[in-house]
Amino acid sequence: MDNNNQSDSSYSESDLEAEELELEALELAMALRRVEYYQNRNKIPCYTGGLTGHVTLIEAVAICLCILSHWAVMRVVAERFQRSKDTIYRQFKRVLKGLYGLAPHIIREQNRGQQPPPPEIKDRPKFYPYFKKCIGAIDETHISAWAPAHKQNSYRDRKVKITQNIMCVCSFDMMFTFVYTGWKGTANDSRVFLDAIGRPGERFSPF
């Protein structure tokens, strides 16, 4: 009886080993087949739009806006505009340089003075009179930043990205009335706000 049990046990173990060897051989064959397929398949060119030569100013501006508004990587933008990544990079820098030169003419401080509550607040019982002195809305946003390697931990936000926490005040006519920069990504929004209103030289004026 014992001899029969031993023979059955040894037989089962040998069968299991044979099945494992067969599975390994099958997986190896499938892997080799996949390699052969990818090596022999017809390669499809990425840029088939037929756009070659000079990039117009309108197209360059569209490329720059696509990157800035959607935070798209060069590869995605290159596929969308059917241009090489090098061309996308050069045109992005070209437009960005132009925008930088226009900054002093576009970004100007305005003396808004004392203003009545905007209709977005005054005409809504939900907000007025509770926010009768407010002229806009305030919020914090995280902007991607560069930091030295030894300081990057303090600039990582909750999504582990290297950012700085920026506080912005915007009126209802889409005009920035105050921008406060420089805080690290780990900083709490309320801490940035309290620092802004506590610095007399910053001229913080949300009302």
Protein backbone atom coordinates (compact mmCIF):
# COMPACT_ATOMS: atom_id res chain seq x y z
CA MET A 1 0.00 0.00 0.00
CA ASP A 2 2.82 2.35 0.88
CA ASN A 3 4.71 1.44 -2.29
CA ASN A 4 1.65 2.32 -4.39
CA ASN A 5 1.31 5.72 -2.67
CA GLN A 6 4.97 6.51 -3.25
CA SER A 7 4.74 5.58 -6.91
CA ASP A 8 1.61 7.73 -7.33
CA SER A 9 3.31 10.68 -5.60
CA SER A 10 6.45 10.43 -7.71
CA TYR A 11 4.34 10.09 -10.85
CA SER A 12 2.35 13.24 -10.00
CA GLU A 13 5.51 15.25 -9.32
CA SER A 14 7.04 14.21 -12.63
CA ASP A 15 3.86 15.16 -14.45
CA LEU A 16 3.89 18.58 -12.77
CA GLU A 17 7.51 19.16 -13.77
CA ALA A 18 6.71 18.19 -17.36
CA GLU A 19 3.77 20.60 -17.49
CA GLU A 20 5.91 23.45 -16.11
CA LEU A 21 8.54 22.76 -18.77
CA GLU A 22 5.90 22.80 -21.47
CA LEU A 23 4.51 26.12 -20.23
CA GLU A 24 7.97 27.69 -20.14
CA ALA A 25 8.65 26.46 -23.67
CA LEU A 26 5.30 27.87 -24.84
CA GLU A 27 5.96 31.28 -23.24
CA LEU A 28 9.41 31.38 -24.84
CA ALA A 29 7.95 30.55 -28.23
CA MET A 30 5.32 33.30 -27.87
CA ALA A 31 7.96 35.83 -26.85
CA LEU A 32 10.12 34.94 -29.86
CA ARG A 33 7.07 35.23 -32.08
CA ARG A 34 6.31 38.72 -30.78
CA VAL A 35 9.91 39.83 -31.37
CA GLU A 36 9.76 38.47 -34.92
CA TYR A 37 6.47 40.27 -35.54
CA TYR A 38 7.73 43.67 -34.37
CA GLN A 39 10.94 43.30 -36.36
CA ASN A 40 9.20 42.42 -39.62
CA ARG A 41 6.07 44.58 -39.48
CA ASN A 42 5.79 47.56 -41.81
CA LYS A 43 6.81 50.76 -40.04
CA ILE A 44 4.26 53.55 -40.37
CA PRO A 45 5.76 57.07 -40.67
CA CYS A 46 4.67 59.48 -37.94
CA TYR A 47 4.41 62.66 -40.00
CA THR A 48 2.17 62.14 -43.02
CA GLY A 49 0.49 65.53 -43.20
CA GLY A 50 2.73 66.83 -45.96
CA LEU A 51 3.71 70.01 -44.10
CA THR A 52 7.28 70.88 -44.97
CA GLY A 53 9.36 74.01 -45.22
CA HIS A 54 8.71 77.36 -43.57
CA VAL A 55 6.46 77.58 -40.50
CA THR A 56 4.09 80.54 -40.68
CA LEU A 57 3.67 82.91 -37.76
CA ILE A 58 0.06 81.82 -37.26
CA GLU A 59 1.11 78.17 -37.02
CA ALA A 60 3.95 79.05 -34.64
CA VAL A 61 1.54 80.92 -32.35
CA ALA A 62 -0.87 77.97 -32.45
CA ILE A 63 1.97 75.61 -31.48
CA CYS A 64 2.94 77.82 -28.54
CA LEU A 65 -0.66 78.19 -27.33
CA CYS A 66 -1.21 74.44 -27.57
CA ILE A 67 1.80 73.80 -25.33
CA LEU A 68 0.99 76.54 -22.83
CA SER A 69 -2.75 75.88 -22.54
CA HIS A 70 -2.69 72.07 -22.49
CA TRP A 71 0.80 71.54 -21.01
CA ALA A 72 1.36 69.11 -23.89
CA VAL A 73 4.67 67.35 -24.44
CA MET A 74 6.67 67.98 -27.61
CA ARG A 75 5.91 64.53 -29.04
CA VAL A 76 2.14 65.05 -28.85
CA VAL A 77 2.33 68.55 -30.36
CA ALA A 78 4.65 67.31 -33.11
CA GLU A 79 2.13 64.64 -34.07
CA ARG A 80 -0.76 67.10 -34.00
CA PHE A 81 0.96 69.70 -36.20
CA GLN A 82 2.84 67.11 -38.29
CA ARG A 83 6.21 68.69 -37.56
CA SER A 84 9.42 67.33 -36.11
CA LYS A 85 10.05 67.73 -32.38
CA ASP A 86 13.02 69.97 -33.16
CA THR A 87 10.79 72.28 -35.22
CA ILE A 88 8.17 72.38 -32.47
CA TYR A 89 10.83 73.25 -29.90
CA ARG A 90 12.33 76.05 -32.02
CA GLN A 91 8.94 77.59 -32.86
CA PHE A 92 7.85 77.46 -29.23
CA LYS A 93 10.96 79.36 -28.15
CA ARG A 94 10.46 81.81 -31.02
CA VAL A 95 6.94 82.77 -29.94
CA LEU A 96 7.81 82.69 -26.24
CA LYS A 97 10.65 85.14 -26.87
CA GLY A 98 8.24 87.45 -28.68
CA LEU A 99 5.72 87.28 -25.83
CA TYR A 100 8.47 88.10 -23.37
CA GLY A 101 9.30 91.21 -25.37
CA LEU A 102 5.64 92.29 -25.36
CA ALA A 103 5.26 91.74 -21.61
CA PRO A 104 5.99 95.39 -20.58
CA HIS A 105 3.27 96.59 -22.99
CA ILE A 106 0.68 93.98 -22.00
CA ILE A 107 1.25 93.57 -18.26
CA ARG A 108 0.77 96.99 -16.70
CA GLU A 109 -0.28 98.02 -13.24
CA GLN A 110 -3.57 99.86 -13.13
CA ASN A 111 -4.74 102.21 -10.45
CA ARG A 112 -8.24 100.89 -9.94
CA GLY A 113 -8.97 103.04 -6.92
CA GLN A 114 -12.12 102.63 -4.85
CA GLN A 115 -14.75 100.85 -6.89
CA PRO A 116 -18.35 99.83 -6.18
CA PRO A 117 -19.14 96.13 -5.83
CA PRO A 118 -19.33 94.44 -9.24
CA PRO A 119 -22.77 93.25 -10.44
CA GLU A 120 -21.60 89.63 -10.07
CA ILE A 121 -21.72 90.26 -6.29
CA LYS A 122 -24.22 93.09 -5.85
CA ASP A 123 -26.99 91.50 -7.92
CA ARG A 124 -26.84 88.12 -6.17
CA PRO A 125 -28.38 87.80 -2.69
CA LYS A 126 -26.15 84.82 -2.06
CA PHE A 127 -23.09 87.12 -2.08
CA TYR A 128 -24.36 90.58 -1.18
CA PRO A 129 -24.01 92.16 1.38
CA TYR A 130 -21.58 89.52 2.71
CA PHE A 131 -18.96 90.34 0.06
CA LYS A 132 -19.92 93.95 -0.61
CA LYS A 133 -16.32 95.16 -0.36
CA CYS A 134 -14.86 92.51 -2.64
CA ILE A 135 -13.91 93.40 -6.18
CA GLY A 136 -12.77 89.95 -7.31
CA ALA A 137 -11.86 86.42 -6.40
CA ILE A 138 -8.70 85.08 -4.78
CA ASP A 139 -7.15 81.65 -5.22
CA GLU A 140 -3.84 79.82 -5.08
CA THR A 141 -2.41 77.86 -7.97
CA HIS A 142 0.68 75.72 -8.41
CA ILE A 143 3.05 76.64 -11.25
CA SER A 144 5.82 74.32 -12.39
CA ALA A 145 9.19 75.54 -11.17
CA TRP A 146 12.89 74.72 -11.29
CA ALA A 147 14.82 74.16 -8.08
CA PRO A 148 18.34 72.89 -7.25
CA ALA A 149 18.55 69.20 -6.40
CA HIS A 150 19.19 69.83 -2.70
CA LYS A 151 16.05 72.02 -2.43
CA GLN A 152 13.59 70.03 -4.54
CA ASN A 153 11.89 68.28 -1.61
CA SER A 154 10.54 71.55 -0.26
CA TYR A 155 9.21 72.50 -3.70
CA ARG A 156 7.24 69.27 -4.21
CA ASP A 157 3.49 69.71 -4.02
CA ARG A 158 0.91 67.09 -3.05
CA LYS A 159 1.23 65.52 -6.50
CA VAL A 160 5.02 65.21 -6.04
CA LYS A 161 5.68 67.77 -8.77
CA ILE A 162 8.25 70.58 -8.48
CA THR A 163 6.13 73.71 -8.19
CA GLN A 164 5.77 77.05 -6.49
CA ASN A 165 2.55 78.14 -4.82
CA ILE A 166 1.29 81.39 -6.34
CA MET A 167 -1.60 83.48 -5.00
CA CYS A 168 -3.62 85.47 -7.51
CA VAL A 169 -6.43 87.99 -7.16
CA CYS A 170 -8.58 88.45 -10.25
CA SER A 171 -11.48 90.83 -10.86
CA PHE A 172 -14.66 89.78 -12.63
CA ASP A 173 -13.54 91.51 -15.83
CA MET A 174 -10.61 89.04 -16.00
CA MET A 175 -7.96 91.50 -14.83
CA PHE A 176 -5.31 90.44 -12.35
CA THR A 177 -5.25 92.90 -9.46
CA PHE A 178 -2.57 91.13 -7.40
CA VAL A 179 -0.08 88.29 -7.92
CA TYR A 180 2.12 86.95 -5.13
CA THR A 181 4.89 84.54 -6.10
CA GLY A 182 7.89 82.84 -4.56
CA TRP A 183 6.40 80.35 -2.12
CA LYS A 184 7.49 76.71 -2.31
CA GLY A 185 5.12 73.98 -3.47
CA THR A 186 4.78 72.53 0.03
CA ALA A 187 3.45 75.81 1.45
CA ASN A 188 -0.19 75.85 2.60
CA ASP A 189 -2.56 78.25 0.84
CA SER A 190 -3.52 80.03 4.07
CA ARG A 191 0.15 80.57 4.93
CA VAL A 192 0.74 82.26 1.57
CA PHE A 193 -2.33 84.45 2.09
CA LEU A 194 -1.34 85.52 5.62
CA ASP A 195 2.18 86.35 4.45
CA ALA A 196 0.81 88.48 1.60
CA ILE A 197 -1.47 90.58 3.81
CA GLY A 198 1.23 90.90 6.46
CA ARG A 199 3.79 92.51 4.17
CA PRO A 200 3.08 96.26 3.87
CA GLY A 201 5.38 96.60 0.87
CA GLU A 202 3.31 94.18 -1.21
CA ARG A 203 0.31 96.54 -1.44
CA PHE A 204 -2.16 93.69 -1.21
CA SER A 205 -5.61 95.10 -1.99
CA PRO A 206 -8.41 92.58 -2.45
CA PHE A 207 -11.04 95.18 -1.50
